[in-house]
């Protein structure tokens, strides 16, 4: 797909990896709908940065764990330019919880935002892309769907669901729309991690280093440009997933 002048919705774009993904799409010539939940100030700062690159950007705020708000976000994003070509589902809830402490609340916290939110958006926007004759949906999953962390079971299950959703949507929206998923490895660590914890994580991959958000953006760019890949889960993890840890 030629990305110049295309319109992209990037969820969770105000901070961390999502911000870098939005900046990459702007660099490639896309106008960007910047979704945030609570980080409005950071999203407005990103909008200014994208304007400095010569692209337009719109900030929209929504709680993606709320079905009504997710559907409204999709409608507003589509109405902005009358079209939408790229959906990047980057927003996610990430919570540590021990197995004995897991209750319905923890399942809802993970599944509503990490799985159902992307579904509601794709359900709304995918048909519009099909009608346009082209579109891209890229889901930011996680390598932990294959080797779940005991301390984050609801999160890992939600990401496993997102990988399965990717395949289902790829079938549903073919041949006009390509749907793929990226599985980041260690890129930006949880803020509470100590240096020792970070080093322990790094030692689990073949390349013995953390990745960068820009390397996740490289994978995003590939999927946006490539028209012959769909239903793919691409680990960008320094080889960690083939070690099974």
C-alpha atoms as a PDB file:
ATOM      1  CA  UNK A   1       0.000   0.000   0.000  1.00  0.00           C
ATOM      2  CA  UNK A   2       1.171   3.492  -0.818  1.00  0.00           C
ATOM      3  CA  UNK A   3       0.937   5.232   2.560  1.00  0.00           C
ATOM      4  CA  UNK A   4       1.058   8.850   1.431  1.00  0.00           C
ATOM      5  CA  UNK A   5      -2.113  10.639   2.493  1.00  0.00           C
ATOM      6  CA  UNK A   6      -3.625   7.571   4.145  1.00  0.00           C
ATOM      7  CA  UNK A   7      -5.488   7.860   7.457  1.00  0.00           C
ATOM      8  CA  UNK A   8      -4.442   5.694  10.411  1.00  0.00           C
ATOM      9  CA  UNK A   9      -5.979   5.139  13.841  1.00  0.00           C
ATOM     10  CA  UNK A  10      -3.404   4.181  16.461  1.00  0.00           C
ATOM     11  CA  UNK A  11      -4.792   3.180  19.843  1.00  0.00           C
ATOM     12  CA  UNK A  12      -2.695   3.758  22.944  1.00  0.00           C
ATOM     13  CA  UNK A  13      -0.582   6.201  20.969  1.00  0.00           C
ATOM     14  CA  UNK A  14       0.157   8.789  23.648  1.00  0.00           C
ATOM     15  CA  UNK A  15       3.025   6.962  25.334  1.00  0.00           C
ATOM     16  CA  UNK A  16       5.700   4.294  25.014  1.00  0.00           C
ATOM     17  CA  UNK A  17       5.664   2.052  21.923  1.00  0.00           C
ATOM     18  CA  UNK A  18       2.347   3.388  20.645  1.00  0.00           C
ATOM     19  CA  UNK A  19       3.806   6.874  20.384  1.00  0.00           C
ATOM     20  CA  UNK A  20       6.705   5.629  18.268  1.00  0.00           C
ATOM     21  CA  UNK A  21       4.311   3.737  16.003  1.00  0.00           C
ATOM     22  CA  UNK A  22       2.280   6.887  15.412  1.00  0.00           C
ATOM     23  CA  UNK A  23       5.393   8.921  14.654  1.00  0.00           C
ATOM     24  CA  UNK A  24       6.546   6.296  12.148  1.00  0.00           C
ATOM     25  CA  UNK A  25       3.226   6.390  10.317  1.00  0.00           C
ATOM     26  CA  UNK A  26       3.399  10.179  10.206  1.00  0.00           C
ATOM     27  CA  UNK A  27       6.917   9.943   8.776  1.00  0.00           C
ATOM     28  CA  UNK A  28       5.510   7.661   6.078  1.00  0.00           C
ATOM     29  CA  UNK A  29       2.930  10.268   5.094  1.00  0.00           C
ATOM     30  CA  UNK A  30      -0.127   9.201   7.091  1.00  0.00           C
ATOM     31  CA  UNK A  31      -2.599  11.465   8.822  1.00  0.00           C
ATOM     32  CA  UNK A  32      -3.077  10.061  12.311  1.00  0.00           C
ATOM     33  CA  UNK A  33      -5.989   9.628  14.690  1.00  0.00           C
ATOM     34  CA  UNK A  34      -4.329   9.467  18.095  1.00  0.00           C
ATOM     35  CA  UNK A  35      -6.274   7.535  20.688  1.00  0.00           C
ATOM     36  CA  UNK A  36      -5.609   7.892  24.398  1.00  0.00           C
ATOM     37  CA  UNK A  37      -7.450   6.896  27.545  1.00  0.00           C
ATOM     38  CA  UNK A  38      -6.084   9.093  30.349  1.00  0.00           C
ATOM     39  CA  UNK A  39      -2.878  10.512  28.815  1.00  0.00           C
ATOM     40  CA  UNK A  40      -4.491  13.490  27.079  1.00  0.00           C
ATOM     41  CA  UNK A  41      -1.571  15.880  27.589  1.00  0.00           C
ATOM     42  CA  UNK A  42       0.906  13.404  26.085  1.00  0.00           C
ATOM     43  CA  UNK A  43      -1.437  12.812  23.138  1.00  0.00           C
ATOM     44  CA  UNK A  44      -1.708  16.551  22.477  1.00  0.00           C
ATOM     45  CA  UNK A  45       2.091  16.780  22.571  1.00  0.00           C
ATOM     46  CA  UNK A  46       2.240  13.997  19.992  1.00  0.00           C
ATOM     47  CA  UNK A  47      -0.300  15.801  17.821  1.00  0.00           C
ATOM     48  CA  UNK A  48       1.965  18.844  17.817  1.00  0.00           C
ATOM     49  CA  UNK A  49       4.975  16.708  16.891  1.00  0.00           C
ATOM     50  CA  UNK A  50       3.095  15.155  13.975  1.00  0.00           C
ATOM     51  CA  UNK A  51       1.945  18.562  12.772  1.00  0.00           C
ATOM     52  CA  UNK A  52       5.618  19.527  12.710  1.00  0.00           C
ATOM     53  CA  UNK A  53       6.159  16.710  10.218  1.00  0.00           C
ATOM     54  CA  UNK A  54       3.532  18.187   7.910  1.00  0.00           C
ATOM     55  CA  UNK A  55       0.767  15.685   8.690  1.00  0.00           C
ATOM     56  CA  UNK A  56      -2.592  16.235  10.319  1.00  0.00           C
ATOM     57  CA  UNK A  57      -3.524  14.551  13.585  1.00  0.00           C
ATOM     58  CA  UNK A  58      -6.654  14.295  15.697  1.00  0.00           C
ATOM     59  CA  UNK A  59      -6.727  13.331  19.382  1.00  0.00           C
ATOM     60  CA  UNK A  60      -9.649  11.192  20.549  1.00  0.00           C
ATOM     61  CA  UNK A  61     -10.122   9.944  24.091  1.00  0.00           C
ATOM     62  CA  UNK A  62     -11.878   6.658  24.903  1.00  0.00           C
ATOM     63  CA  UNK A  63     -11.929   3.791  27.371  1.00  0.00           C
ATOM     64  CA  UNK A  64     -11.585   0.767  25.083  1.00  0.00           C
ATOM     65  CA  UNK A  65     -12.868  -1.567  27.793  1.00  0.00           C
ATOM     66  CA  UNK A  66     -16.254   0.096  27.256  1.00  0.00           C
ATOM     67  CA  UNK A  67     -17.975  -1.246  24.130  1.00  0.00           C
ATOM     68  CA  UNK A  68     -19.964   1.936  23.506  1.00  0.00           C
ATOM     69  CA  UNK A  69     -16.867   4.136  23.755  1.00  0.00           C
ATOM     70  CA  UNK A  70     -14.893   1.820  21.459  1.00  0.00           C
ATOM     71  CA  UNK A  71     -17.611   1.914  18.811  1.00  0.00           C
ATOM     72  CA  UNK A  72     -17.861   5.699  19.103  1.00  0.00           C
ATOM     73  CA  UNK A  73     -14.087   5.997  18.675  1.00  0.00           C
ATOM     74  CA  UNK A  74     -14.310   4.009  15.441  1.00  0.00           C
ATOM     75  CA  UNK A  75     -17.135   6.182  14.135  1.00  0.00           C
ATOM     76  CA  UNK A  76     -15.320   9.415  15.015  1.00  0.00           C
ATOM     77  CA  UNK A  77     -12.085   8.218  13.430  1.00  0.00           C
ATOM     78  CA  UNK A  78     -13.886   7.274  10.227  1.00  0.00           C
ATOM     79  CA  UNK A  79     -15.813  10.554  10.099  1.00  0.00           C
ATOM     80  CA  UNK A  80     -12.703  12.751  10.491  1.00  0.00           C
ATOM     81  CA  UNK A  81     -11.532  12.402   6.886  1.00  0.00           C
ATOM     82  CA  UNK A  82     -14.418  10.324   5.593  1.00  0.00           C
ATOM     83  CA  UNK A  83     -12.142   7.328   5.293  1.00  0.00           C
ATOM     84  CA  UNK A  84      -9.736   5.167   7.282  1.00  0.00           C
ATOM     85  CA  UNK A  85      -7.071   2.912   5.830  1.00  0.00           C
ATOM     86  CA  UNK A  86      -5.003   1.609   8.764  1.00  0.00           C
ATOM     87  CA  UNK A  87      -5.971   0.437  12.253  1.00  0.00           C
ATOM     88  CA  UNK A  88      -3.195  -0.221  14.767  1.00  0.00           C
ATOM     89  CA  UNK A  89      -4.453  -1.843  17.968  1.00  0.00           C
ATOM     90  CA  UNK A  90      -1.654  -0.923  20.363  1.00  0.00           C
ATOM     91  CA  UNK A  91      -3.500  -0.036  23.583  1.00  0.00           C
ATOM     92  CA  UNK A  92      -3.375  -2.652  26.331  1.00  0.00           C
ATOM     93  CA  UNK A  93      -3.949  -3.175  30.033  1.00  0.00           C
ATOM     94  CA  UNK A  94      -0.958  -4.843  31.696  1.00  0.00           C
ATOM     95  CA  UNK A  95      -1.485  -6.070  35.241  1.00  0.00           C
ATOM     96  CA  UNK A  96       0.470  -8.361  37.569  1.00  0.00           C
ATOM     97  CA  UNK A  97      -1.799 -10.601  39.643  1.00  0.00           C
ATOM     98  CA  UNK A  98      -1.090 -13.854  41.484  1.00  0.00           C
ATOM     99  CA  UNK A  99      -3.168 -16.900  40.562  1.00  0.00           C
ATOM    100  CA  UNK A 100      -5.010 -17.109  43.932  1.00  0.00           C
ATOM    101  CA  UNK A 101      -5.956 -13.430  43.622  1.00  0.00           C
ATOM    102  CA  UNK A 102      -7.540 -13.635  40.159  1.00  0.00           C
ATOM    103  CA  UNK A 103     -11.235 -12.823  40.186  1.00  0.00           C
ATOM    104  CA  UNK A 104     -13.739 -11.714  37.545  1.00  0.00           C
ATOM    105  CA  UNK A 105     -12.484  -8.141  37.853  1.00  0.00           C
ATOM    106  CA  UNK A 106      -8.985  -9.086  36.655  1.00  0.00           C
ATOM    107  CA  UNK A 107     -10.378 -11.048  33.710  1.00  0.00           C
ATOM    108  CA  UNK A 108     -12.594  -8.142  32.687  1.00  0.00           C
ATOM    109  CA  UNK A 109      -9.685  -5.704  33.043  1.00  0.00           C
ATOM    110  CA  UNK A 110      -7.568  -7.712  30.590  1.00  0.00           C
ATOM    111  CA  UNK A 111     -10.108  -9.083  28.133  1.00  0.00           C
ATOM    112  CA  UNK A 112     -12.289  -5.998  27.701  1.00  0.00           C
ATOM    113  CA  UNK A 113      -9.433  -3.694  26.681  1.00  0.00           C
ATOM    114  CA  UNK A 114      -6.946  -6.110  25.122  1.00  0.00           C
ATOM    115  CA  UNK A 115      -9.281  -8.355  23.136  1.00  0.00           C
ATOM    116  CA  UNK A 116     -12.799  -6.961  22.925  1.00  0.00           C
ATOM    117  CA  UNK A 117     -11.652  -3.378  22.316  1.00  0.00           C
ATOM    118  CA  UNK A 118      -9.682  -4.353  19.179  1.00  0.00           C
ATOM    119  CA  UNK A 119     -12.614  -6.492  18.055  1.00  0.00           C
ATOM    120  CA  UNK A 120     -15.168  -3.675  18.348  1.00  0.00           C
ATOM    121  CA  UNK A 121     -12.885  -1.360  16.374  1.00  0.00           C
ATOM    122  CA  UNK A 122     -12.183  -3.917  13.660  1.00  0.00           C
ATOM    123  CA  UNK A 123     -15.841  -4.891  13.428  1.00  0.00           C
ATOM    124  CA  UNK A 124     -16.684  -1.249  12.733  1.00  0.00           C
ATOM    125  CA  UNK A 125     -13.734  -0.262  10.550  1.00  0.00           C
ATOM    126  CA  UNK A 126     -12.978  -3.472   8.644  1.00  0.00           C
ATOM    127  CA  UNK A 127     -16.096  -3.317   6.460  1.00  0.00           C
ATOM    128  CA  UNK A 128     -15.292   0.298   5.547  1.00  0.00           C
ATOM    129  CA  UNK A 129     -11.825  -0.823   4.442  1.00  0.00           C
ATOM    130  CA  UNK A 130     -13.357  -3.652   2.405  1.00  0.00           C
ATOM    131  CA  UNK A 131     -15.652  -1.156   0.719  1.00  0.00           C
ATOM    132  CA  UNK A 132     -12.613   1.013  -0.073  1.00  0.00           C
ATOM    133  CA  UNK A 133     -10.906  -1.975  -1.642  1.00  0.00           C
ATOM    134  CA  UNK A 134      -7.861  -1.852   0.649  1.00  0.00           C
ATOM    135  CA  UNK A 135      -6.871  -1.605   4.290  1.00  0.00           C
ATOM    136  CA  UNK A 136      -4.516  -2.783   7.007  1.00  0.00           C
ATOM    137  CA  UNK A 137      -5.204  -3.926  10.561  1.00  0.00           C
ATOM    138  CA  UNK A 138      -2.154  -4.519  12.741  1.00  0.00           C
ATOM    139  CA  UNK A 139      -2.607  -5.894  16.245  1.00  0.00           C
ATOM    140  CA  UNK A 140       0.165  -5.471  18.806  1.00  0.00           C
ATOM    141  CA  UNK A 141       0.100  -8.822  20.585  1.00  0.00           C
ATOM    142  CA  UNK A 142       2.805 -10.339  22.806  1.00  0.00           C
ATOM    143  CA  UNK A 143       5.076 -13.372  22.690  1.00  0.00           C
ATOM    144  CA  UNK A 144       3.675 -14.364  26.093  1.00  0.00           C
ATOM    145  CA  UNK A 145       0.600 -15.830  24.428  1.00  0.00           C
ATOM    146  CA  UNK A 146       2.733 -18.907  23.672  1.00  0.00           C
ATOM    147  CA  UNK A 147       4.528 -19.103  27.031  1.00  0.00           C
ATOM    148  CA  UNK A 148       2.254 -17.418  29.590  1.00  0.00           C
ATOM    149  CA  UNK A 149       3.626 -15.759  32.704  1.00  0.00           C
ATOM    150  CA  UNK A 150       2.071 -17.194  35.858  1.00  0.00           C
ATOM    151  CA  UNK A 151       1.990 -13.686  37.333  1.00  0.00           C
ATOM    152  CA  UNK A 152      -0.025 -12.269  34.400  1.00  0.00           C
ATOM    153  CA  UNK A 153      -2.365 -15.044  33.263  1.00  0.00           C
ATOM    154  CA  UNK A 154      -5.365 -12.859  32.271  1.00  0.00           C
ATOM    155  CA  UNK A 155      -3.086 -10.576  30.241  1.00  0.00           C
ATOM    156  CA  UNK A 156      -1.428 -13.501  28.446  1.00  0.00           C
ATOM    157  CA  UNK A 157      -4.775 -15.118  27.674  1.00  0.00           C
ATOM    158  CA  UNK A 158      -6.053 -11.825  26.267  1.00  0.00           C
ATOM    159  CA  UNK A 159      -3.063 -11.661  23.933  1.00  0.00           C
ATOM    160  CA  UNK A 160      -3.584 -15.287  22.867  1.00  0.00           C
ATOM    161  CA  UNK A 161      -7.113 -14.287  21.975  1.00  0.00           C
ATOM    162  CA  UNK A 162      -5.794 -11.329  20.001  1.00  0.00           C
ATOM    163  CA  UNK A 163      -3.577 -13.617  17.912  1.00  0.00           C
ATOM    164  CA  UNK A 164      -6.564 -15.858  17.195  1.00  0.00           C
ATOM    165  CA  UNK A 165      -8.672 -12.797  16.399  1.00  0.00           C
ATOM    166  CA  UNK A 166      -6.003 -11.716  13.920  1.00  0.00           C
ATOM    167  CA  UNK A 167      -6.405 -14.947  11.963  1.00  0.00           C
ATOM    168  CA  UNK A 168     -10.191 -14.748  12.084  1.00  0.00           C
ATOM    169  CA  UNK A 169     -10.278 -11.161  10.854  1.00  0.00           C
ATOM    170  CA  UNK A 170      -7.758 -11.962   8.117  1.00  0.00           C
ATOM    171  CA  UNK A 171     -10.211 -14.537   6.773  1.00  0.00           C
ATOM    172  CA  UNK A 172     -13.261 -12.321   7.259  1.00  0.00           C
ATOM    173  CA  UNK A 173     -11.872  -9.265   5.460  1.00  0.00           C
ATOM    174  CA  UNK A 174      -9.886 -10.957   2.676  1.00  0.00           C
ATOM    175  CA  UNK A 175      -8.920 -10.224  -0.012  1.00  0.00           C
ATOM    176  CA  UNK A 176      -9.195  -6.452   0.321  1.00  0.00           C
ATOM    177  CA  UNK A 177      -7.801  -6.068   3.861  1.00  0.00           C
ATOM    178  CA  UNK A 178      -4.675  -7.599   5.363  1.00  0.00           C
ATOM    179  CA  UNK A 179      -4.701  -8.331   9.104  1.00  0.00           C
ATOM    180  CA  UNK A 180      -1.499  -9.184  10.966  1.00  0.00           C
ATOM    181  CA  UNK A 181      -0.065  -9.193  14.484  1.00  0.00           C
ATOM    182  CA  UNK A 182       3.287  -8.209  15.952  1.00  0.00           C
ATOM    183  CA  UNK A 183       4.670  -9.895  19.062  1.00  0.00           C
ATOM    184  CA  UNK A 184       7.161  -7.603  20.801  1.00  0.00           C
ATOM    185  CA  UNK A 185       9.702  -9.137  23.124  1.00  0.00           C
ATOM    186  CA  UNK A 186      11.505  -7.083  25.778  1.00  0.00           C
ATOM    187  CA  UNK A 187      11.374  -3.513  24.486  1.00  0.00           C
ATOM    188  CA  UNK A 188      10.190  -1.082  27.152  1.00  0.00           C
ATOM    189  CA  UNK A 189      10.137  -2.706  30.563  1.00  0.00           C
ATOM    190  CA  UNK A 190       7.453  -2.120  33.190  1.00  0.00           C
ATOM    191  CA  UNK A 191       8.428   0.980  35.124  1.00  0.00           C
ATOM    192  CA  UNK A 192       8.667  -0.929  38.406  1.00  0.00           C
ATOM    193  CA  UNK A 193      11.342  -3.350  37.124  1.00  0.00           C
ATOM    194  CA  UNK A 194      14.741  -3.170  38.811  1.00  0.00           C
ATOM    195  CA  UNK A 195      17.952  -3.277  36.787  1.00  0.00           C
ATOM    196  CA  UNK A 196      18.478  -6.876  37.909  1.00  0.00           C
ATOM    197  CA  UNK A 197      15.022  -7.833  36.644  1.00  0.00           C
ATOM    198  CA  UNK A 198      15.690  -6.147  33.310  1.00  0.00           C
ATOM    199  CA  UNK A 199      18.969  -7.985  32.872  1.00  0.00           C
ATOM    200  CA  UNK A 200      17.308 -11.292  33.704  1.00  0.00           C
ATOM    201  CA  UNK A 201      14.740 -10.710  30.968  1.00  0.00           C
ATOM    202  CA  UNK A 202      17.405  -9.742  28.434  1.00  0.00           C
ATOM    203  CA  UNK A 203      19.317 -12.960  29.127  1.00  0.00           C
ATOM    204  CA  UNK A 204      16.302 -14.966  27.937  1.00  0.00           C
ATOM    205  CA  UNK A 205      16.701 -13.999  24.275  1.00  0.00           C
ATOM    206  CA  UNK A 206      19.291 -15.042  21.724  1.00  0.00           C
ATOM    207  CA  UNK A 207      20.521 -11.522  20.975  1.00  0.00           C
ATOM    208  CA  UNK A 208      21.176 -10.645  24.640  1.00  0.00           C
ATOM    209  CA  UNK A 209      19.739  -7.168  24.424  1.00  0.00           C
ATOM    210  CA  UNK A 210      16.448  -5.361  24.650  1.00  0.00           C
ATOM    211  CA  UNK A 211      14.728  -4.301  21.491  1.00  0.00           C
ATOM    212  CA  UNK A 212      13.715  -0.747  20.679  1.00  0.00           C
ATOM    213  CA  UNK A 213      10.310   0.746  19.896  1.00  0.00           C
ATOM    214  CA  UNK A 214      11.740   1.699  16.502  1.00  0.00           C
ATOM    215  CA  UNK A 215      12.268  -1.994  15.730  1.00  0.00           C
ATOM    216  CA  UNK A 216       8.597  -2.646  16.449  1.00  0.00           C
ATOM    217  CA  UNK A 217       7.823   0.272  14.134  1.00  0.00           C
ATOM    218  CA  UNK A 218       9.932  -1.421  11.441  1.00  0.00           C
ATOM    219  CA  UNK A 219       7.615  -4.438  11.625  1.00  0.00           C
ATOM    220  CA  UNK A 220       4.588  -2.159  11.494  1.00  0.00           C
ATOM    221  CA  UNK A 221       5.952  -0.437   8.398  1.00  0.00           C
ATOM    222  CA  UNK A 222       6.490  -3.800   6.709  1.00  0.00           C
ATOM    223  CA  UNK A 223       2.909  -4.893   7.316  1.00  0.00           C
ATOM    224  CA  UNK A 224       1.537  -1.535   6.148  1.00  0.00           C
ATOM    225  CA  UNK A 225       3.515  -1.672   2.912  1.00  0.00           C
ATOM    226  CA  UNK A 226       3.235  -5.393   2.146  1.00  0.00           C
ATOM    227  CA  UNK A 227       0.056  -6.490   0.372  1.00  0.00           C
ATOM    228  CA  UNK A 228       0.810 -10.238   0.353  1.00  0.00           C
ATOM    229  CA  UNK A 229       1.016 -11.037   4.060  1.00  0.00           C
ATOM    230  CA  UNK A 230      -2.108 -11.674   6.103  1.00  0.00           C
ATOM    231  CA  UNK A 231      -2.968 -13.706   9.179  1.00  0.00           C
ATOM    232  CA  UNK A 232       0.678 -13.554  10.277  1.00  0.00           C
ATOM    233  CA  UNK A 233       1.963 -13.404  13.853  1.00  0.00           C
ATOM    234  CA  UNK A 234       5.471 -11.928  13.709  1.00  0.00           C
ATOM    235  CA  UNK A 235       7.634 -12.163  16.846  1.00  0.00           C
ATOM    236  CA  UNK A 236      10.058  -9.252  17.170  1.00  0.00           C
ATOM    237  CA  UNK A 237      11.752 -10.595  20.262  1.00  0.00           C
ATOM    238  CA  UNK A 238      15.431 -11.304  19.716  1.00  0.00           C
ATOM    239  CA  UNK A 239      14.652 -14.990  19.270  1.00  0.00           C
ATOM    240  CA  UNK A 240      13.102 -15.457  22.708  1.00  0.00           C
ATOM    241  CA  UNK A 241       9.997 -17.229  21.424  1.00  0.00           C
ATOM    242  CA  UNK A 242      11.931 -20.078  19.800  1.00  0.00           C
ATOM    243  CA  UNK A 243      13.566 -20.788  23.157  1.00  0.00           C
ATOM    244  CA  UNK A 244      10.158 -21.333  24.731  1.00  0.00           C
ATOM    245  CA  UNK A 245      10.832 -19.061  27.718  1.00  0.00           C
END
